[in-house]
Amino acid sequence: MGSEVNEVVPPPQSIRIPTVGDIYEIEAELLKQPQIDFQLVNRFADGLYARQVTMSAGAFVTSRIHLKEHFAFVMTGDVSIWTDQDYQRVKAPAVLVTRPGTKRVLLIHEESTWVTVHATNAKTQEEAEAELTTNDPEAINRVRQP
Protein backbone atom coordinates (compact mmCIF):
# COMPACT_ATOMS: atom_id res chain seq x y z
CA MET A 1 0.00 0.00 0.00
CA GLY A 2 1.34 3.45 -0.85
CA SER A 3 0.33 6.94 -1.72
CA GLU A 4 0.37 8.75 -5.03
CA VAL A 5 2.89 11.46 -5.71
CA ASN A 6 1.15 14.74 -6.43
CA GLU A 7 1.75 16.56 -9.67
CA VAL A 8 3.81 19.71 -9.77
CA VAL A 9 1.47 22.56 -10.67
CA PRO A 10 2.67 24.67 -13.63
CA PRO A 11 2.99 28.42 -13.04
CA PRO A 12 0.14 30.76 -13.82
CA GLN A 13 1.02 33.26 -16.56
CA SER A 14 1.15 36.03 -13.93
CA ILE A 15 4.09 34.49 -12.03
CA ARG A 16 7.39 36.21 -12.85
CA ILE A 17 10.60 34.17 -12.88
CA PRO A 18 13.25 36.03 -10.87
CA THR A 19 16.84 36.59 -11.96
CA VAL A 20 19.71 35.41 -9.78
CA GLY A 21 20.13 39.05 -8.76
CA ASP A 22 16.46 39.21 -7.74
CA ILE A 23 16.92 36.13 -5.57
CA TYR A 24 19.90 37.71 -3.79
CA GLU A 25 17.89 40.94 -3.28
CA ILE A 26 15.03 38.92 -1.77
CA GLU A 27 17.51 37.12 0.48
CA ALA A 28 19.05 40.44 1.62
CA GLU A 29 15.58 41.74 2.57
CA LEU A 30 14.69 38.50 4.36
CA LEU A 31 17.91 38.71 6.40
CA LYS A 32 16.68 42.06 7.80
CA GLN A 33 13.69 40.26 9.32
CA PRO A 34 13.65 38.14 12.50
CA GLN A 35 15.04 34.73 11.60
CA ILE A 36 13.22 31.45 12.18
CA ASP A 37 14.94 28.34 13.51
CA PHE A 38 13.57 25.39 11.61
CA GLN A 39 13.66 21.84 12.89
CA LEU A 40 16.66 20.22 11.19
CA VAL A 41 17.70 16.55 11.37
CA ASN A 42 20.92 15.27 9.75
CA ARG A 43 21.50 11.58 9.04
CA PHE A 44 24.52 9.82 7.56
CA ALA A 45 24.76 6.36 6.02
CA ASP A 46 27.34 4.64 3.82
CA GLY A 47 28.13 7.35 1.26
CA LEU A 48 24.84 9.20 1.82
CA TYR A 49 23.71 12.30 3.67
CA ALA A 50 20.02 12.97 4.34
CA ARG A 51 18.92 16.39 5.55
CA GLN A 52 15.39 16.75 6.91
CA VAL A 53 13.93 20.18 7.55
CA THR A 54 10.46 21.19 8.72
CA MET A 55 9.46 24.73 7.73
CA SER A 56 6.63 26.77 9.26
CA ALA A 57 3.60 27.97 7.32
CA GLY A 58 3.95 31.56 6.14
CA ALA A 59 7.76 31.49 6.03
CA PHE A 60 9.83 32.79 3.13
CA VAL A 61 13.06 30.81 2.79
CA THR A 62 16.10 31.04 0.53
CA SER A 63 18.48 28.18 -0.07
CA ARG A 64 22.20 28.07 -0.57
CA ILE A 65 23.46 27.26 -4.06
CA HIS A 66 23.45 23.51 -4.64
CA LEU A 67 26.68 22.22 -6.19
CA LYS A 68 25.63 18.65 -6.97
CA GLU A 69 22.51 16.95 -8.27
CA HIS A 70 20.38 15.28 -5.61
CA PHE A 71 16.84 14.28 -4.71
CA ALA A 72 14.47 16.41 -2.66
CA PHE A 73 11.43 14.67 -1.19
CA VAL A 74 8.57 16.95 -0.15
CA MET A 75 7.05 14.77 2.56
CA THR A 76 4.33 17.09 3.86
CA GLY A 77 2.93 20.51 3.07
CA ASP A 78 2.40 22.92 0.22
CA VAL A 79 5.12 25.24 -1.07
CA SER A 80 5.79 27.66 -3.92
CA ILE A 81 9.32 27.40 -5.33
CA TRP A 82 11.09 30.01 -7.44
CA THR A 83 14.51 29.69 -9.08
CA ASP A 84 16.03 31.84 -11.79
CA GLN A 85 14.81 29.20 -14.25
CA ASP A 86 11.27 28.33 -13.17
CA TYR A 87 8.40 28.42 -10.72
CA GLN A 88 6.54 25.44 -9.26
CA ARG A 89 3.86 25.02 -6.66
CA VAL A 90 4.39 21.66 -5.01
CA LYS A 91 2.00 19.80 -2.73
CA ALA A 92 3.24 16.77 -0.84
CA PRO A 93 4.02 14.08 -1.47
CA ALA A 94 6.41 14.98 -4.28
CA VAL A 95 9.88 14.07 -5.51
CA LEU A 96 12.10 16.71 -7.09
CA VAL A 97 15.55 16.53 -8.63
CA THR A 98 17.77 19.46 -7.70
CA ARG A 99 20.23 20.38 -10.45
CA PRO A 100 23.69 21.87 -9.83
CA GLY A 101 23.55 25.68 -9.65
CA THR A 102 20.06 25.80 -8.13
CA LYS A 103 19.26 28.53 -5.60
CA ARG A 104 15.66 28.67 -4.43
CA VAL A 105 13.17 31.03 -2.87
CA LEU A 106 10.36 29.19 -1.07
CA LEU A 107 7.02 30.42 0.22
CA ILE A 108 5.65 27.89 2.68
CA HIS A 109 1.84 27.78 2.35
CA GLU A 110 1.40 25.06 4.98
CA GLU A 111 3.96 23.49 7.29
CA SER A 112 6.29 21.48 5.06
CA THR A 113 8.85 18.79 5.70
CA TRP A 114 11.53 18.18 3.07
CA VAL A 115 14.18 15.48 2.98
CA THR A 116 17.14 15.88 0.63
CA VAL A 117 19.46 12.96 -0.09
CA HIS A 118 23.04 13.52 -1.26
CA ALA A 119 25.89 11.25 -2.32
CA THR A 120 28.86 12.21 -0.14
CA ASN A 121 31.44 10.71 2.16
CA ALA A 122 31.06 13.62 4.60
CA LYS A 123 30.67 12.63 8.23
CA THR A 124 29.37 15.91 9.69
CA GLN A 125 26.79 18.54 8.73
CA GLU A 126 29.57 21.10 8.31
CA GLU A 127 31.57 18.86 5.96
CA ALA A 128 28.46 18.05 3.93
CA GLU A 129 27.41 21.70 3.60
CA ALA A 130 30.94 22.74 2.52
CA GLU A 131 31.05 20.02 -0.16
CA LEU A 132 27.46 20.28 -1.41
CA THR A 133 26.49 23.96 -1.16
CA THR A 134 27.91 27.47 -1.37
CA ASN A 135 26.78 31.08 -1.17
CA ASP A 136 29.20 32.17 -3.94
CA PRO A 137 27.03 33.53 -6.79
CA GLU A 138 29.83 32.81 -9.29
CA ALA A 139 29.32 29.10 -8.62
CA ILE A 140 25.88 29.09 -10.28
CA ASN A 141 27.19 29.24 -13.83
CA ARG A 142 30.36 27.29 -13.01
CA VAL A 143 28.49 24.18 -11.83
CA ARG A 144 25.54 24.21 -14.21
CA GLN A 145 25.75 21.56 -16.86
CA PRO A 146 25.11 22.69 -20.45
C-alpha atoms as a PDB file:
ATOM      1  CA  MET A   1       0.000   0.000   0.000  1.00  0.00           C
ATOM      2  CA  GLY A   2       1.340   3.453  -0.852  1.00  0.00           C
ATOM      3  CA  SER A   3       0.333   6.943  -1.723  1.00  0.00           C
ATOM      4  CA  GLU A   4       0.370   8.755  -5.032  1.00  0.00           C
ATOM      5  CA  VAL A   5       2.887  11.464  -5.712  1.00  0.00           C
ATOM      6  CA  ASN A   6       1.146  14.742  -6.429  1.00  0.00           C
ATOM      7  CA  GLU A   7       1.754  16.556  -9.674  1.00  0.00           C
ATOM      8  CA  VAL A   8       3.812  19.706  -9.768  1.00  0.00           C
ATOM      9  CA  VAL A   9       1.466  22.562 -10.670  1.00  0.00           C
ATOM     10  CA  PRO A  10       2.675  24.670 -13.629  1.00  0.00           C
ATOM     11  CA  PRO A  11       2.988  28.417 -13.041  1.00  0.00           C
ATOM     12  CA  PRO A  12       0.144  30.762 -13.824  1.00  0.00           C
ATOM     13  CA  GLN A  13       1.019  33.265 -16.563  1.00  0.00           C
ATOM     14  CA  SER A  14       1.151  36.035 -13.928  1.00  0.00           C
ATOM     15  CA  ILE A  15       4.094  34.489 -12.034  1.00  0.00           C
ATOM     16  CA  ARG A  16       7.387  36.214 -12.849  1.00  0.00           C
ATOM     17  CA  ILE A  17      10.596  34.168 -12.883  1.00  0.00           C
ATOM     18  CA  PRO A  18      13.251  36.031 -10.866  1.00  0.00           C
ATOM     19  CA  THR A  19      16.841  36.590 -11.964  1.00  0.00           C
ATOM     20  CA  VAL A  20      19.708  35.408  -9.778  1.00  0.00           C
ATOM     21  CA  GLY A  21      20.132  39.055  -8.761  1.00  0.00           C
ATOM     22  CA  ASP A  22      16.463  39.214  -7.744  1.00  0.00           C
ATOM     23  CA  ILE A  23      16.919  36.134  -5.566  1.00  0.00           C
ATOM     24  CA  TYR A  24      19.899  37.714  -3.793  1.00  0.00           C
ATOM     25  CA  GLU A  25      17.894  40.938  -3.276  1.00  0.00           C
ATOM     26  CA  ILE A  26      15.032  38.920  -1.768  1.00  0.00           C
ATOM     27  CA  GLU A  27      17.511  37.121   0.482  1.00  0.00           C
ATOM     28  CA  ALA A  28      19.046  40.437   1.624  1.00  0.00           C
ATOM     29  CA  GLU A  29      15.581  41.736   2.567  1.00  0.00           C
ATOM     30  CA  LEU A  30      14.694  38.504   4.365  1.00  0.00           C
ATOM     31  CA  LEU A  31      17.915  38.710   6.400  1.00  0.00           C
ATOM     32  CA  LYS A  32      16.684  42.060   7.796  1.00  0.00           C
ATOM     33  CA  GLN A  33      13.688  40.257   9.321  1.00  0.00           C
ATOM     34  CA  PRO A  34      13.652  38.139  12.499  1.00  0.00           C
ATOM     35  CA  GLN A  35      15.044  34.729  11.605  1.00  0.00           C
ATOM     36  CA  ILE A  36      13.218  31.454  12.177  1.00  0.00           C
ATOM     37  CA  ASP A  37      14.936  28.343  13.514  1.00  0.00           C
ATOM     38  CA  PHE A  38      13.565  25.390  11.609  1.00  0.00           C
ATOM     39  CA  GLN A  39      13.660  21.839  12.895  1.00  0.00           C
ATOM     40  CA  LEU A  40      16.664  20.221  11.188  1.00  0.00           C
ATOM     41  CA  VAL A  41      17.703  16.554  11.371  1.00  0.00           C
ATOM     42  CA  ASN A  42      20.920  15.274   9.753  1.00  0.00           C
ATOM     43  CA  ARG A  43      21.505  11.584   9.037  1.00  0.00           C
ATOM     44  CA  PHE A  44      24.522   9.823   7.555  1.00  0.00           C
ATOM     45  CA  ALA A  45      24.763   6.362   6.021  1.00  0.00           C
ATOM     46  CA  ASP A  46      27.338   4.642   3.821  1.00  0.00           C
ATOM     47  CA  GLY A  47      28.132   7.345   1.263  1.00  0.00           C
ATOM     48  CA  LEU A  48      24.842   9.203   1.824  1.00  0.00           C
ATOM     49  CA  TYR A  49      23.712  12.304   3.672  1.00  0.00           C
ATOM     50  CA  ALA A  50      20.019  12.968   4.344  1.00  0.00           C
ATOM     51  CA  ARG A  51      18.922  16.387   5.554  1.00  0.00           C
ATOM     52  CA  GLN A  52      15.392  16.751   6.912  1.00  0.00           C
ATOM     53  CA  VAL A  53      13.928  20.184   7.548  1.00  0.00           C
ATOM     54  CA  THR A  54      10.460  21.188   8.718  1.00  0.00           C
ATOM     55  CA  MET A  55       9.455  24.730   7.726  1.00  0.00           C
ATOM     56  CA  SER A  56       6.634  26.770   9.256  1.00  0.00           C
ATOM     57  CA  ALA A  57       3.596  27.971   7.317  1.00  0.00           C
ATOM     58  CA  GLY A  58       3.953  31.558   6.138  1.00  0.00           C
ATOM     59  CA  ALA A  59       7.761  31.490   6.026  1.00  0.00           C
ATOM     60  CA  PHE A  60       9.828  32.789   3.126  1.00  0.00           C
ATOM     61  CA  VAL A  61      13.057  30.807   2.791  1.00  0.00           C
ATOM     62  CA  THR A  62      16.095  31.037   0.529  1.00  0.00           C
ATOM     63  CA  SER A  63      18.480  28.179  -0.068  1.00  0.00           C
ATOM     64  CA  ARG A  64      22.200  28.069  -0.565  1.00  0.00           C
ATOM     65  CA  ILE A  65      23.458  27.260  -4.065  1.00  0.00           C
ATOM     66  CA  HIS A  66      23.452  23.515  -4.639  1.00  0.00           C
ATOM     67  CA  LEU A  67      26.678  22.218  -6.194  1.00  0.00           C
ATOM     68  CA  LYS A  68      25.630  18.649  -6.967  1.00  0.00           C
ATOM     69  CA  GLU A  69      22.514  16.951  -8.273  1.00  0.00           C
ATOM     70  CA  HIS A  70      20.378  15.280  -5.612  1.00  0.00           C
ATOM     71  CA  PHE A  71      16.837  14.276  -4.714  1.00  0.00           C
ATOM     72  CA  ALA A  72      14.468  16.409  -2.660  1.00  0.00           C
ATOM     73  CA  PHE A  73      11.429  14.674  -1.188  1.00  0.00           C
ATOM     74  CA  VAL A  74       8.566  16.947  -0.153  1.00  0.00           C
ATOM     75  CA  MET A  75       7.052  14.773   2.557  1.00  0.00           C
ATOM     76  CA  THR A  76       4.335  17.094   3.864  1.00  0.00           C
ATOM     77  CA  GLY A  77       2.931  20.506   3.071  1.00  0.00           C
ATOM     78  CA  ASP A  78       2.398  22.924   0.223  1.00  0.00           C
ATOM     79  CA  VAL A  79       5.115  25.241  -1.073  1.00  0.00           C
ATOM     80  CA  SER A  80       5.794  27.664  -3.922  1.00  0.00           C
ATOM     81  CA  ILE A  81       9.318  27.399  -5.330  1.00  0.00           C
ATOM     82  CA  TRP A  82      11.089  30.006  -7.443  1.00  0.00           C
ATOM     83  CA  THR A  83      14.505  29.694  -9.079  1.00  0.00           C
ATOM     84  CA  ASP A  84      16.033  31.840 -11.795  1.00  0.00           C
ATOM     85  CA  GLN A  85      14.806  29.203 -14.255  1.00  0.00           C
ATOM     86  CA  ASP A  86      11.274  28.333 -13.172  1.00  0.00           C
ATOM     87  CA  TYR A  87       8.396  28.419 -10.722  1.00  0.00           C
ATOM     88  CA  GLN A  88       6.544  25.444  -9.255  1.00  0.00           C
ATOM     89  CA  ARG A  89       3.857  25.020  -6.659  1.00  0.00           C
ATOM     90  CA  VAL A  90       4.387  21.658  -5.005  1.00  0.00           C
ATOM     91  CA  LYS A  91       1.998  19.800  -2.730  1.00  0.00           C
ATOM     92  CA  ALA A  92       3.244  16.774  -0.842  1.00  0.00           C
ATOM     93  CA  PRO A  93       4.015  14.083  -1.471  1.00  0.00           C
ATOM     94  CA  ALA A  94       6.408  14.977  -4.281  1.00  0.00           C
ATOM     95  CA  VAL A  95       9.879  14.066  -5.506  1.00  0.00           C
ATOM     96  CA  LEU A  96      12.100  16.708  -7.089  1.00  0.00           C
ATOM     97  CA  VAL A  97      15.549  16.533  -8.634  1.00  0.00           C
ATOM     98  CA  THR A  98      17.773  19.460  -7.701  1.00  0.00           C
ATOM     99  CA  ARG A  99      20.230  20.379 -10.450  1.00  0.00           C
ATOM    100  CA  PRO A 100      23.687  21.873  -9.827  1.00  0.00           C
ATOM    101  CA  GLY A 101      23.550  25.678  -9.645  1.00  0.00           C
ATOM    102  CA  THR A 102      20.062  25.798  -8.128  1.00  0.00           C
ATOM    103  CA  LYS A 103      19.264  28.535  -5.601  1.00  0.00           C
ATOM    104  CA  ARG A 104      15.658  28.666  -4.433  1.00  0.00           C
ATOM    105  CA  VAL A 105      13.165  31.026  -2.867  1.00  0.00           C
ATOM    106  CA  LEU A 106      10.360  29.194  -1.074  1.00  0.00           C
ATOM    107  CA  LEU A 107       7.018  30.420   0.215  1.00  0.00           C
ATOM    108  CA  ILE A 108       5.650  27.885   2.677  1.00  0.00           C
ATOM    109  CA  HIS A 109       1.841  27.780   2.350  1.00  0.00           C
ATOM    110  CA  GLU A 110       1.396  25.062   4.984  1.00  0.00           C
ATOM    111  CA  GLU A 111       3.957  23.491   7.294  1.00  0.00           C
ATOM    112  CA  SER A 112       6.287  21.478   5.061  1.00  0.00           C
ATOM    113  CA  THR A 113       8.847  18.787   5.702  1.00  0.00           C
ATOM    114  CA  TRP A 114      11.529  18.177   3.074  1.00  0.00           C
ATOM    115  CA  VAL A 115      14.185  15.483   2.984  1.00  0.00           C
ATOM    116  CA  THR A 116      17.138  15.878   0.632  1.00  0.00           C
ATOM    117  CA  VAL A 117      19.456  12.956  -0.093  1.00  0.00           C
ATOM    118  CA  HIS A 118      23.037  13.523  -1.261  1.00  0.00           C
ATOM    119  CA  ALA A 119      25.890  11.248  -2.320  1.00  0.00           C
ATOM    120  CA  THR A 120      28.859  12.210  -0.138  1.00  0.00           C
ATOM    121  CA  ASN A 121      31.445  10.709   2.162  1.00  0.00           C
ATOM    122  CA  ALA A 122      31.065  13.619   4.599  1.00  0.00           C
ATOM    123  CA  LYS A 123      30.666  12.634   8.235  1.00  0.00           C
ATOM    124  CA  THR A 124      29.367  15.912   9.692  1.00  0.00           C
ATOM    125  CA  GLN A 125      26.790  18.536   8.729  1.00  0.00           C
ATOM    126  CA  GLU A 126      29.572  21.104   8.309  1.00  0.00           C
ATOM    127  CA  GLU A 127      31.571  18.857   5.963  1.00  0.00           C
ATOM    128  CA  ALA A 128      28.456  18.049   3.931  1.00  0.00           C
ATOM    129  CA  GLU A 129      27.415  21.703   3.603  1.00  0.00           C
ATOM    130  CA  ALA A 130      30.936  22.737   2.520  1.00  0.00           C
ATOM    131  CA  GLU A 131      31.045  20.025  -0.157  1.00  0.00           C
ATOM    132  CA  LEU A 132      27.462  20.280  -1.411  1.00  0.00           C
ATOM    133  CA  THR A 133      26.494  23.965  -1.164  1.00  0.00           C
ATOM    134  CA  THR A 134      27.907  27.474  -1.371  1.00  0.00           C
ATOM    135  CA  ASN A 135      26.782  31.084  -1.172  1.00  0.00           C
ATOM    136  CA  ASP A 136      29.195  32.171  -3.937  1.00  0.00           C
ATOM    137  CA  PRO A 137      27.031  33.525  -6.793  1.00  0.00           C
ATOM    138  CA  GLU A 138      29.834  32.811  -9.293  1.00  0.00           C
ATOM    139  CA  ALA A 139      29.321  29.097  -8.621  1.00  0.00           C
ATOM    140  CA  ILE A 140      25.884  29.089 -10.280  1.00  0.00           C
ATOM    141  CA  ASN A 141      27.192  29.235 -13.833  1.00  0.00           C
ATOM    142  CA  ARG A 142      30.357  27.293 -13.009  1.00  0.00           C
ATOM    143  CA  VAL A 143      28.494  24.182 -11.828  1.00  0.00           C
ATOM    144  CA  ARG A 144      25.542  24.208 -14.213  1.00  0.00           C
ATOM    145  CA  GLN A 145      25.753  21.557 -16.858  1.00  0.00           C
ATOM    146  CA  PRO A 146      25.113  22.687 -20.455  1.00  0.00           C
END
